[in-house]
């Protein structure tokens, strides 16, 4: 049984979710300790519990210590079964983070799986729904992963109440993502989502983003989507693509932050030079625990180069 230290690196929930997903793909039992040890409220939270419970049910896994608040977990994967599933996170916990873990876990499925989740679609510390749909999903489709996604209802913090579903189709072949072509980005697309707050806020966010992008000679096509939600909220997601490269950024509205700052910040994020963050470094470490593969990442002035060496 492979043992994983959940406090490594940024020590958050991604080690837990991705370790369980990788365990499912490879068929290797794992024991995870020190779960989310670097967080103010350590241990398994509602969204992590639902992610693991969902994977457990879909692949007939066995678990020990799978409960909210637990700092350790044993996960023994089984065989996949198809069908329709429905899970409720019970809070405004992130739907997209649970979906990401499920998709990764199902990379070797030979049956169609449909999953519907209730929770938060646009919440802090997680990909927004629009980032998930317009950035994450197109990237994994470029490597051969076939997933259909559908938003049924937005859900903001604290009440959640959002609902979405995905259908994961049998995957026949995973191919490498080639990023060796020169990329030129000319147009930025985007969506401002809003619920239970005045319409002028979304217009100010949109106009601020457009003005910021124009300063770098980038045209934009940004929509405004009004929603009926349990809690008030707003946010904006921008994305742009060239060849196989898709860049995206999201910013959620926060009390006390002017709408113009939200629009400006999300546009600046799209324009910024990308860096290797702690999440990426932690994931690279985690993959090396499961596979006989060595990653080397080099941060250059305007690019990131990642070398994969197999002994």
C-alpha atoms as a PDB file:
ATOM      1  CA  UNK A   1       0.000   0.000   0.000  1.00  0.00           C
ATOM      2  CA  UNK A   2       1.385   3.357  -1.068  1.00  0.00           C
ATOM      3  CA  UNK A   3       1.543   5.974   1.697  1.00  0.00           C
ATOM      4  CA  UNK A   4       1.014   9.641   0.813  1.00  0.00           C
ATOM      5  CA  UNK A   5       1.808  12.563   3.109  1.00  0.00           C
ATOM      6  CA  UNK A   6      -1.120  14.944   2.730  1.00  0.00           C
ATOM      7  CA  UNK A   7       0.852  17.826   4.263  1.00  0.00           C
ATOM      8  CA  UNK A   8       3.403  17.969   1.437  1.00  0.00           C
ATOM      9  CA  UNK A   9       3.792  21.261  -0.463  1.00  0.00           C
ATOM     10  CA  UNK A  10       0.731  23.459  -0.193  1.00  0.00           C
ATOM     11  CA  UNK A  11      -0.881  20.664   1.822  1.00  0.00           C
ATOM     12  CA  UNK A  12      -4.428  21.268   0.652  1.00  0.00           C
ATOM     13  CA  UNK A  13      -7.331  19.216  -0.632  1.00  0.00           C
ATOM     14  CA  UNK A  14      -5.865  18.614  -4.087  1.00  0.00           C
ATOM     15  CA  UNK A  15      -3.428  15.999  -2.721  1.00  0.00           C
ATOM     16  CA  UNK A  16      -6.370  14.094  -1.271  1.00  0.00           C
ATOM     17  CA  UNK A  17      -8.552  14.309  -4.386  1.00  0.00           C
ATOM     18  CA  UNK A  18      -5.813  13.603  -6.902  1.00  0.00           C
ATOM     19  CA  UNK A  19      -4.228  10.811  -4.879  1.00  0.00           C
ATOM     20  CA  UNK A  20      -7.562   8.975  -4.759  1.00  0.00           C
ATOM     21  CA  UNK A  21      -8.076   9.578  -8.483  1.00  0.00           C
ATOM     22  CA  UNK A  22      -4.579   8.302  -9.359  1.00  0.00           C
ATOM     23  CA  UNK A  23      -5.106   5.301  -7.097  1.00  0.00           C
ATOM     24  CA  UNK A  24      -8.249   4.492  -9.096  1.00  0.00           C
ATOM     25  CA  UNK A  25      -6.518   4.824 -12.474  1.00  0.00           C
ATOM     26  CA  UNK A  26      -3.505   2.701 -11.529  1.00  0.00           C
ATOM     27  CA  UNK A  27      -5.390   0.251  -9.307  1.00  0.00           C
ATOM     28  CA  UNK A  28      -3.042   0.755  -6.353  1.00  0.00           C
ATOM     29  CA  UNK A  29      -4.336   0.986  -2.742  1.00  0.00           C
ATOM     30  CA  UNK A  30      -3.217   4.061  -0.819  1.00  0.00           C
ATOM     31  CA  UNK A  31      -3.053   5.429   2.694  1.00  0.00           C
ATOM     32  CA  UNK A  32      -3.146   9.217   3.031  1.00  0.00           C
ATOM     33  CA  UNK A  33      -2.118  10.868   6.308  1.00  0.00           C
ATOM     34  CA  UNK A  34      -2.004  14.481   7.537  1.00  0.00           C
ATOM     35  CA  UNK A  35      -4.925  15.401   5.266  1.00  0.00           C
ATOM     36  CA  UNK A  36      -5.096  19.176   4.652  1.00  0.00           C
ATOM     37  CA  UNK A  37      -2.673  19.641   7.549  1.00  0.00           C
ATOM     38  CA  UNK A  38      -1.597  23.084   6.318  1.00  0.00           C
ATOM     39  CA  UNK A  39      -5.114  24.497   6.358  1.00  0.00           C
ATOM     40  CA  UNK A  40      -6.714  26.436   9.273  1.00  0.00           C
ATOM     41  CA  UNK A  41      -9.452  23.758   9.436  1.00  0.00           C
ATOM     42  CA  UNK A  42      -7.582  20.521   8.624  1.00  0.00           C
ATOM     43  CA  UNK A  43      -9.102  17.175   7.707  1.00  0.00           C
ATOM     44  CA  UNK A  44     -11.691  16.055   5.173  1.00  0.00           C
ATOM     45  CA  UNK A  45     -14.356  18.656   4.391  1.00  0.00           C
ATOM     46  CA  UNK A  46     -17.754  18.228   2.718  1.00  0.00           C
ATOM     47  CA  UNK A  47     -16.583  18.657  -0.886  1.00  0.00           C
ATOM     48  CA  UNK A  48     -13.638  16.265  -0.344  1.00  0.00           C
ATOM     49  CA  UNK A  49     -15.948  13.743   1.270  1.00  0.00           C
ATOM     50  CA  UNK A  50     -18.369  13.876  -1.679  1.00  0.00           C
ATOM     51  CA  UNK A  51     -15.517  13.594  -4.208  1.00  0.00           C
ATOM     52  CA  UNK A  52     -14.113  10.467  -2.558  1.00  0.00           C
ATOM     53  CA  UNK A  53     -17.538   8.976  -1.884  1.00  0.00           C
ATOM     54  CA  UNK A  54     -18.472   9.492  -5.535  1.00  0.00           C
ATOM     55  CA  UNK A  55     -15.305   7.815  -6.798  1.00  0.00           C
ATOM     56  CA  UNK A  56     -15.782   5.018  -4.261  1.00  0.00           C
ATOM     57  CA  UNK A  57     -19.289   4.282  -5.502  1.00  0.00           C
ATOM     58  CA  UNK A  58     -18.412   4.507  -9.190  1.00  0.00           C
ATOM     59  CA  UNK A  59     -15.446   2.135  -8.941  1.00  0.00           C
ATOM     60  CA  UNK A  60     -16.654  -0.181  -6.122  1.00  0.00           C
ATOM     61  CA  UNK A  61     -13.802   0.872  -3.840  1.00  0.00           C
ATOM     62  CA  UNK A  62     -13.254   0.059  -0.177  1.00  0.00           C
ATOM     63  CA  UNK A  63     -12.380   2.801   2.320  1.00  0.00           C
ATOM     64  CA  UNK A  64     -11.433   3.334   5.942  1.00  0.00           C
ATOM     65  CA  UNK A  65     -11.816   6.595   7.882  1.00  0.00           C
ATOM     66  CA  UNK A  66     -13.891   8.231   5.136  1.00  0.00           C
ATOM     67  CA  UNK A  67     -15.685  10.820   7.243  1.00  0.00           C
ATOM     68  CA  UNK A  68     -15.764  14.589   7.561  1.00  0.00           C
ATOM     69  CA  UNK A  69     -12.944  15.806   9.799  1.00  0.00           C
ATOM     70  CA  UNK A  70     -10.768  12.730   9.355  1.00  0.00           C
ATOM     71  CA  UNK A  71      -7.027  13.375   8.933  1.00  0.00           C
ATOM     72  CA  UNK A  72      -6.272   9.994   7.365  1.00  0.00           C
ATOM     73  CA  UNK A  73      -7.815   7.752   4.727  1.00  0.00           C
ATOM     74  CA  UNK A  74      -7.309   4.286   3.287  1.00  0.00           C
ATOM     75  CA  UNK A  75      -8.622   3.833  -0.254  1.00  0.00           C
ATOM     76  CA  UNK A  76      -8.660   0.489  -2.099  1.00  0.00           C
ATOM     77  CA  UNK A  77      -9.975   0.868  -5.678  1.00  0.00           C
ATOM     78  CA  UNK A  78     -12.208  -1.642  -7.448  1.00  0.00           C
ATOM     79  CA  UNK A  79     -13.780  -1.986 -10.905  1.00  0.00           C
ATOM     80  CA  UNK A  80     -15.837   0.677 -12.680  1.00  0.00           C
ATOM     81  CA  UNK A  81     -19.560   0.431 -13.202  1.00  0.00           C
ATOM     82  CA  UNK A  82     -21.542   2.697 -15.511  1.00  0.00           C
ATOM     83  CA  UNK A  83     -24.857   4.410 -14.947  1.00  0.00           C
ATOM     84  CA  UNK A  84     -26.331   7.607 -13.525  1.00  0.00           C
ATOM     85  CA  UNK A  85     -25.279   9.106 -10.199  1.00  0.00           C
ATOM     86  CA  UNK A  86     -26.424  12.061  -8.131  1.00  0.00           C
ATOM     87  CA  UNK A  87     -24.568  13.559  -5.164  1.00  0.00           C
ATOM     88  CA  UNK A  88     -25.196  16.584  -2.945  1.00  0.00           C
ATOM     89  CA  UNK A  89     -22.205  18.349  -1.386  1.00  0.00           C
ATOM     90  CA  UNK A  90     -24.641  19.827   1.116  1.00  0.00           C
ATOM     91  CA  UNK A  91     -22.909  23.223   1.241  1.00  0.00           C
ATOM     92  CA  UNK A  92     -21.470  25.733  -1.215  1.00  0.00           C
ATOM     93  CA  UNK A  93     -18.500  23.391  -1.635  1.00  0.00           C
ATOM     94  CA  UNK A  94     -17.045  23.432  -5.131  1.00  0.00           C
ATOM     95  CA  UNK A  95     -18.798  21.339  -7.768  1.00  0.00           C
ATOM     96  CA  UNK A  96     -15.948  21.853 -10.233  1.00  0.00           C
ATOM     97  CA  UNK A  97     -13.263  20.464  -7.905  1.00  0.00           C
ATOM     98  CA  UNK A  98     -15.326  17.324  -7.371  1.00  0.00           C
ATOM     99  CA  UNK A  99     -15.886  16.978 -11.133  1.00  0.00           C
ATOM    100  CA  UNK A 100     -12.158  17.362 -11.820  1.00  0.00           C
ATOM    101  CA  UNK A 101     -11.353  14.529  -9.416  1.00  0.00           C
ATOM    102  CA  UNK A 102     -14.049  12.326 -10.943  1.00  0.00           C
ATOM    103  CA  UNK A 103     -12.850  12.919 -14.503  1.00  0.00           C
ATOM    104  CA  UNK A 104      -9.267  12.072 -13.557  1.00  0.00           C
ATOM    105  CA  UNK A 105     -10.397   8.917 -11.750  1.00  0.00           C
ATOM    106  CA  UNK A 106     -12.410   7.806 -14.789  1.00  0.00           C
ATOM    107  CA  UNK A 107      -9.658   8.129 -17.409  1.00  0.00           C
ATOM    108  CA  UNK A 108      -9.661   4.357 -17.922  1.00  0.00           C
ATOM    109  CA  UNK A 109     -13.408   3.794 -17.874  1.00  0.00           C
ATOM    110  CA  UNK A 110     -14.912   1.606 -20.599  1.00  0.00           C
ATOM    111  CA  UNK A 111     -18.497   2.506 -19.650  1.00  0.00           C
ATOM    112  CA  UNK A 112     -20.467   5.768 -19.867  1.00  0.00           C
ATOM    113  CA  UNK A 113     -20.939   7.527 -16.533  1.00  0.00           C
ATOM    114  CA  UNK A 114     -23.338  10.414 -15.861  1.00  0.00           C
ATOM    115  CA  UNK A 115     -22.935  12.410 -12.642  1.00  0.00           C
ATOM    116  CA  UNK A 116     -25.085  15.249 -11.286  1.00  0.00           C
ATOM    117  CA  UNK A 117     -23.848  17.379  -8.377  1.00  0.00           C
ATOM    118  CA  UNK A 118     -25.445  19.990  -6.133  1.00  0.00           C
ATOM    119  CA  UNK A 119     -23.280  22.582  -4.368  1.00  0.00           C
ATOM    120  CA  UNK A 120     -21.366  25.734  -5.313  1.00  0.00           C
ATOM    121  CA  UNK A 121     -20.544  26.500  -8.944  1.00  0.00           C
ATOM    122  CA  UNK A 122     -18.657  29.766  -8.415  1.00  0.00           C
ATOM    123  CA  UNK A 123     -16.842  29.866  -5.072  1.00  0.00           C
ATOM    124  CA  UNK A 124     -13.449  30.872  -3.673  1.00  0.00           C
ATOM    125  CA  UNK A 125     -10.344  28.699  -4.047  1.00  0.00           C
ATOM    126  CA  UNK A 126     -11.802  26.714  -6.933  1.00  0.00           C
ATOM    127  CA  UNK A 127     -12.274  26.986 -10.702  1.00  0.00           C
ATOM    128  CA  UNK A 128     -15.471  28.826 -11.572  1.00  0.00           C
ATOM    129  CA  UNK A 129     -18.008  26.985 -13.698  1.00  0.00           C
ATOM    130  CA  UNK A 130     -17.104  29.026 -16.773  1.00  0.00           C
ATOM    131  CA  UNK A 131     -13.378  28.329 -16.289  1.00  0.00           C
ATOM    132  CA  UNK A 132     -14.174  24.625 -15.925  1.00  0.00           C
ATOM    133  CA  UNK A 133     -16.303  24.612 -19.090  1.00  0.00           C
ATOM    134  CA  UNK A 134     -14.319  26.925 -21.360  1.00  0.00           C
ATOM    135  CA  UNK A 135     -10.719  26.287 -20.244  1.00  0.00           C
ATOM    136  CA  UNK A 136     -10.335  22.958 -18.421  1.00  0.00           C
ATOM    137  CA  UNK A 137     -12.715  20.858 -20.546  1.00  0.00           C
ATOM    138  CA  UNK A 138     -11.325  21.993 -23.953  1.00  0.00           C
ATOM    139  CA  UNK A 139      -7.769  21.273 -22.756  1.00  0.00           C
ATOM    140  CA  UNK A 140      -8.543  17.697 -21.712  1.00  0.00           C
ATOM    141  CA  UNK A 141     -10.550  17.146 -24.915  1.00  0.00           C
ATOM    142  CA  UNK A 142      -7.356  17.983 -26.806  1.00  0.00           C
ATOM    143  CA  UNK A 143      -5.730  14.909 -25.233  1.00  0.00           C
ATOM    144  CA  UNK A 144      -8.643  12.596 -26.031  1.00  0.00           C
ATOM    145  CA  UNK A 145     -10.898  12.850 -22.970  1.00  0.00           C
ATOM    146  CA  UNK A 146     -14.571  12.962 -23.986  1.00  0.00           C
ATOM    147  CA  UNK A 147     -16.734  14.764 -21.422  1.00  0.00           C
ATOM    148  CA  UNK A 148     -20.051  16.582 -21.864  1.00  0.00           C
ATOM    149  CA  UNK A 149     -20.885  19.256 -19.295  1.00  0.00           C
ATOM    150  CA  UNK A 150     -24.105  21.079 -18.475  1.00  0.00           C
ATOM    151  CA  UNK A 151     -24.869  23.861 -16.008  1.00  0.00           C
ATOM    152  CA  UNK A 152     -28.353  23.612 -14.529  1.00  0.00           C
ATOM    153  CA  UNK A 153     -28.172  26.354 -11.904  1.00  0.00           C
ATOM    154  CA  UNK A 154     -25.540  28.741 -10.486  1.00  0.00           C
ATOM    155  CA  UNK A 155     -24.712  28.527  -6.812  1.00  0.00           C
ATOM    156  CA  UNK A 156     -22.752  31.099  -4.782  1.00  0.00           C
ATOM    157  CA  UNK A 157     -21.451  31.124  -1.212  1.00  0.00           C
ATOM    158  CA  UNK A 158     -22.849  30.631   1.421  1.00  0.00           C
ATOM    159  CA  UNK A 159     -26.060  28.799   0.460  1.00  0.00           C
ATOM    160  CA  UNK A 160     -24.846  27.081  -2.688  1.00  0.00           C
ATOM    161  CA  UNK A 161     -27.795  25.429  -4.373  1.00  0.00           C
ATOM    162  CA  UNK A 162     -26.018  25.238  -7.711  1.00  0.00           C
ATOM    163  CA  UNK A 163     -26.459  22.177  -9.870  1.00  0.00           C
ATOM    164  CA  UNK A 164     -24.509  20.760 -12.807  1.00  0.00           C
ATOM    165  CA  UNK A 165     -23.918  17.457 -14.520  1.00  0.00           C
ATOM    166  CA  UNK A 166     -21.243  15.770 -16.590  1.00  0.00           C
ATOM    167  CA  UNK A 167     -21.220  12.709 -18.817  1.00  0.00           C
ATOM    168  CA  UNK A 168     -17.901  10.873 -19.081  1.00  0.00           C
ATOM    169  CA  UNK A 169     -17.682   8.730 -22.199  1.00  0.00           C
ATOM    170  CA  UNK A 170     -15.455   5.646 -22.592  1.00  0.00           C
ATOM    171  CA  UNK A 171     -11.937   6.802 -23.368  1.00  0.00           C
ATOM    172  CA  UNK A 172     -10.106   4.827 -26.059  1.00  0.00           C
ATOM    173  CA  UNK A 173      -6.817   6.665 -26.285  1.00  0.00           C
ATOM    174  CA  UNK A 174      -4.980   9.413 -24.403  1.00  0.00           C
ATOM    175  CA  UNK A 175      -2.583  11.408 -26.555  1.00  0.00           C
ATOM    176  CA  UNK A 176       0.072  13.946 -25.563  1.00  0.00           C
ATOM    177  CA  UNK A 177      -0.720  17.642 -25.687  1.00  0.00           C
ATOM    178  CA  UNK A 178       1.739  19.316 -28.069  1.00  0.00           C
ATOM    179  CA  UNK A 179       2.568  22.909 -27.251  1.00  0.00           C
ATOM    180  CA  UNK A 180       5.472  23.461 -29.631  1.00  0.00           C
ATOM    181  CA  UNK A 181       3.797  25.957 -31.993  1.00  0.00           C
ATOM    182  CA  UNK A 182       4.036  29.706 -31.766  1.00  0.00           C
ATOM    183  CA  UNK A 183       0.826  31.151 -30.340  1.00  0.00           C
ATOM    184  CA  UNK A 184      -0.823  34.453 -31.116  1.00  0.00           C
ATOM    185  CA  UNK A 185      -3.837  35.520 -29.084  1.00  0.00           C
ATOM    186  CA  UNK A 186      -6.085  38.092 -30.718  1.00  0.00           C
ATOM    187  CA  UNK A 187      -9.516  37.876 -29.081  1.00  0.00           C
ATOM    188  CA  UNK A 188     -10.563  37.263 -25.494  1.00  0.00           C
ATOM    189  CA  UNK A 189     -13.946  35.738 -24.733  1.00  0.00           C
ATOM    190  CA  UNK A 190     -15.695  35.968 -21.403  1.00  0.00           C
ATOM    191  CA  UNK A 191     -18.777  35.712 -19.240  1.00  0.00           C
ATOM    192  CA  UNK A 192     -19.850  37.918 -16.337  1.00  0.00           C
ATOM    193  CA  UNK A 193     -22.294  35.997 -14.131  1.00  0.00           C
ATOM    194  CA  UNK A 194     -24.511  37.731 -11.621  1.00  0.00           C
ATOM    195  CA  UNK A 195     -27.303  36.810  -9.206  1.00  0.00           C
ATOM    196  CA  UNK A 196     -29.382  38.842  -6.756  1.00  0.00           C
ATOM    197  CA  UNK A 197     -27.391  42.065  -7.169  1.00  0.00           C
ATOM    198  CA  UNK A 198     -27.975  45.184  -9.339  1.00  0.00           C
ATOM    199  CA  UNK A 199     -27.352  44.862 -13.090  1.00  0.00           C
ATOM    200  CA  UNK A 200     -25.111  47.910 -13.221  1.00  0.00           C
ATOM    201  CA  UNK A 201     -22.443  45.961 -11.309  1.00  0.00           C
ATOM    202  CA  UNK A 202     -22.048  43.409 -14.108  1.00  0.00           C
ATOM    203  CA  UNK A 203     -21.894  46.185 -16.709  1.00  0.00           C
ATOM    204  CA  UNK A 204     -19.127  47.968 -14.785  1.00  0.00           C
ATOM    205  CA  UNK A 205     -17.128  44.726 -14.453  1.00  0.00           C
ATOM    206  CA  UNK A 206     -17.493  44.034 -18.171  1.00  0.00           C
ATOM    207  CA  UNK A 207     -16.551  47.555 -19.296  1.00  0.00           C
ATOM    208  CA  UNK A 208     -13.500  47.650 -17.044  1.00  0.00           C
ATOM    209  CA  UNK A 209     -12.230  44.325 -18.436  1.00  0.00           C
ATOM    210  CA  UNK A 210     -12.751  45.516 -22.029  1.00  0.00           C
ATOM    211  CA  UNK A 211     -10.850  48.777 -21.419  1.00  0.00           C
ATOM    212  CA  UNK A 212      -7.921  46.945 -19.817  1.00  0.00           C
ATOM    213  CA  UNK A 213      -7.661  44.472 -22.692  1.00  0.00           C
ATOM    214  CA  UNK A 214      -7.837  47.244 -25.305  1.00  0.00           C
ATOM    215  CA  UNK A 215      -4.712  48.822 -23.789  1.00  0.00           C
ATOM    216  CA  UNK A 216      -2.864  45.680 -24.963  1.00  0.00           C
ATOM    217  CA  UNK A 217      -4.601  45.743 -28.364  1.00  0.00           C
ATOM    218  CA  UNK A 218      -6.787  42.740 -27.567  1.00  0.00           C
ATOM    219  CA  UNK A 219     -10.390  42.639 -28.755  1.00  0.00           C
ATOM    220  CA  UNK A 220     -12.981  40.994 -26.515  1.00  0.00           C
ATOM    221  CA  UNK A 221     -16.380  39.357 -26.647  1.00  0.00           C
ATOM    222  CA  UNK A 222     -17.834  39.322 -23.136  1.00  0.00           C
ATOM    223  CA  UNK A 223     -21.382  38.241 -22.296  1.00  0.00           C
ATOM    224  CA  UNK A 224     -23.431  39.010 -19.192  1.00  0.00           C
ATOM    225  CA  UNK A 225     -25.456  36.173 -17.680  1.00  0.00           C
ATOM    226  CA  UNK A 226     -28.130  36.912 -15.076  1.00  0.00           C
ATOM    227  CA  UNK A 227     -29.118  34.095 -12.720  1.00  0.00           C
ATOM    228  CA  UNK A 228     -31.723  33.255 -10.116  1.00  0.00           C
ATOM    229  CA  UNK A 229     -29.654  32.136  -7.111  1.00  0.00           C
ATOM    230  CA  UNK A 230     -30.070  31.370  -3.417  1.00  0.00           C
ATOM    231  CA  UNK A 231     -27.253  33.739  -2.418  1.00  0.00           C
ATOM    232  CA  UNK A 232     -26.122  36.979  -4.070  1.00  0.00           C
ATOM    233  CA  UNK A 233     -22.930  36.812  -6.071  1.00  0.00           C
ATOM    234  CA  UNK A 234     -21.032  37.767  -9.187  1.00  0.00           C
ATOM    235  CA  UNK A 235     -17.855  36.909 -11.029  1.00  0.00           C
ATOM    236  CA  UNK A 236     -16.117  37.068 -14.376  1.00  0.00           C
ATOM    237  CA  UNK A 237     -14.174  34.501 -16.375  1.00  0.00           C
ATOM    238  CA  UNK A 238     -12.043  35.333 -19.411  1.00  0.00           C
ATOM    239  CA  UNK A 239     -10.344  32.937 -21.800  1.00  0.00           C
ATOM    240  CA  UNK A 240      -8.365  33.065 -25.036  1.00  0.00           C
ATOM    241  CA  UNK A 241      -6.939  30.330 -27.241  1.00  0.00           C
ATOM    242  CA  UNK A 242      -4.404  29.678 -29.975  1.00  0.00           C
ATOM    243  CA  UNK A 243      -3.516  26.245 -31.373  1.00  0.00           C
ATOM    244  CA  UNK A 244      -3.716  23.845 -28.380  1.00  0.00           C
ATOM    245  CA  UNK A 245      -3.077  26.561 -25.790  1.00  0.00           C
ATOM    246  CA  UNK A 246      -5.966  27.983 -23.778  1.00  0.00           C
ATOM    247  CA  UNK A 247      -5.380  30.689 -21.191  1.00  0.00           C
ATOM    248  CA  UNK A 248      -8.042  31.595 -18.670  1.00  0.00           C
ATOM    249  CA  UNK A 249      -8.640  33.621 -15.539  1.00  0.00           C
ATOM    250  CA  UNK A 250     -11.507  34.131 -13.121  1.00  0.00           C
ATOM    251  CA  UNK A 251     -12.212  36.684 -10.404  1.00  0.00           C
ATOM    252  CA  UNK A 252     -15.182  36.575  -8.061  1.00  0.00           C
ATOM    253  CA  UNK A 253     -16.881  39.648  -6.691  1.00  0.00           C
ATOM    254  CA  UNK A 254     -16.200  40.462  -3.046  1.00  0.00           C
ATOM    255  CA  UNK A 255     -17.801  42.884  -0.666  1.00  0.00           C
ATOM    256  CA  UNK A 256     -15.759  46.090  -0.523  1.00  0.00           C
ATOM    257  CA  UNK A 257     -13.964  45.586  -3.861  1.00  0.00           C
ATOM    258  CA  UNK A 258     -15.135  47.995  -6.616  1.00  0.00           C
ATOM    259  CA  UNK A 259     -16.583  46.434  -9.757  1.00  0.00           C
ATOM    260  CA  UNK A 260     -13.972  48.233 -11.861  1.00  0.00           C
ATOM    261  CA  UNK A 261     -11.166  46.530  -9.913  1.00  0.00           C
ATOM    262  CA  UNK A 262     -12.696  43.094 -10.543  1.00  0.00           C
ATOM    263  CA  UNK A 263     -12.797  43.669 -14.306  1.00  0.00           C
ATOM    264  CA  UNK A 264      -9.304  45.148 -14.393  1.00  0.00           C
ATOM    265  CA  UNK A 265      -7.776  42.369 -12.302  1.00  0.00           C
ATOM    266  CA  UNK A 266      -9.167  39.505 -14.374  1.00  0.00           C
ATOM    267  CA  UNK A 267      -7.909  41.144 -17.565  1.00  0.00           C
ATOM    268  CA  UNK A 268      -4.453  41.704 -16.043  1.00  0.00           C
ATOM    269  CA  UNK A 269      -4.323  38.029 -15.060  1.00  0.00           C
ATOM    270  CA  UNK A 270      -4.866  36.997 -18.694  1.00  0.00           C
ATOM    271  CA  UNK A 271      -2.062  39.313 -19.798  1.00  0.00           C
ATOM    272  CA  UNK A 272       0.409  38.293 -17.078  1.00  0.00           C
ATOM    273  CA  UNK A 273       3.399  35.993 -17.591  1.00  0.00           C
ATOM    274  CA  UNK A 274       2.544  32.568 -16.265  1.00  0.00           C
ATOM    275  CA  UNK A 275       4.518  31.074 -13.393  1.00  0.00           C
ATOM    276  CA  UNK A 276       4.868  27.636 -11.837  1.00  0.00           C
ATOM    277  CA  UNK A 277       2.610  27.799  -8.783  1.00  0.00           C
ATOM    278  CA  UNK A 278       2.540  25.652  -5.649  1.00  0.00           C
ATOM    279  CA  UNK A 279      -0.406  23.628  -6.943  1.00  0.00           C
ATOM    280  CA  UNK A 280       1.545  22.553 -10.021  1.00  0.00           C
ATOM    281  CA  UNK A 281       4.648  21.706  -8.003  1.00  0.00           C
ATOM    282  CA  UNK A 282       2.618  19.626  -5.545  1.00  0.00           C
ATOM    283  CA  UNK A 283       0.878  17.734  -8.352  1.00  0.00           C
ATOM    284  CA  UNK A 284       4.207  16.968  -9.996  1.00  0.00           C
ATOM    285  CA  UNK A 285       5.472  15.547  -6.702  1.00  0.00           C
ATOM    286  CA  UNK A 286       2.293  13.484  -6.272  1.00  0.00           C
ATOM    287  CA  UNK A 287       2.500  11.937  -9.749  1.00  0.00           C
ATOM    288  CA  UNK A 288       6.067  10.863  -9.021  1.00  0.00           C
ATOM    289  CA  UNK A 289       4.810   8.907  -5.997  1.00  0.00           C
ATOM    290  CA  UNK A 290       2.685   6.743  -8.308  1.00  0.00           C
ATOM    291  CA  UNK A 291       4.765   6.533 -11.486  1.00  0.00           C
ATOM    292  CA  UNK A 292       8.398   5.904 -12.354  1.00  0.00           C
ATOM    293  CA  UNK A 293       8.615   9.355 -13.935  1.00  0.00           C
ATOM    294  CA  UNK A 294      10.714  12.387 -13.107  1.00  0.00           C
ATOM    295  CA  UNK A 295       9.519  15.934 -13.779  1.00  0.00           C
ATOM    296  CA  UNK A 296      11.791  18.906 -14.106  1.00  0.00           C
ATOM    297  CA  UNK A 297      10.237  22.341 -14.437  1.00  0.00           C
ATOM    298  CA  UNK A 298      12.206  25.407 -15.502  1.00  0.00           C
ATOM    299  CA  UNK A 299      10.832  28.917 -15.167  1.00  0.00           C
ATOM    300  CA  UNK A 300      12.124  31.144 -17.976  1.00  0.00           C
ATOM    301  CA  UNK A 301      11.556  34.846 -18.513  1.00  0.00           C
ATOM    302  CA  UNK A 302       8.382  34.427 -20.563  1.00  0.00           C
ATOM    303  CA  UNK A 303       7.777  30.675 -20.567  1.00  0.00           C
ATOM    304  CA  UNK A 304       7.624  27.550 -18.454  1.00  0.00           C
ATOM    305  CA  UNK A 305       9.462  24.464 -19.696  1.00  0.00           C
ATOM    306  CA  UNK A 306       8.664  21.050 -18.222  1.00  0.00           C
ATOM    307  CA  UNK A 307      10.875  18.058 -18.947  1.00  0.00           C
ATOM    308  CA  UNK A 308       9.661  14.515 -18.327  1.00  0.00           C
ATOM    309  CA  UNK A 309      12.368  11.879 -17.936  1.00  0.00           C
ATOM    310  CA  UNK A 310      11.514   8.176 -17.764  1.00  0.00           C
ATOM    311  CA  UNK A 311      14.404   6.025 -16.497  1.00  0.00           C
END
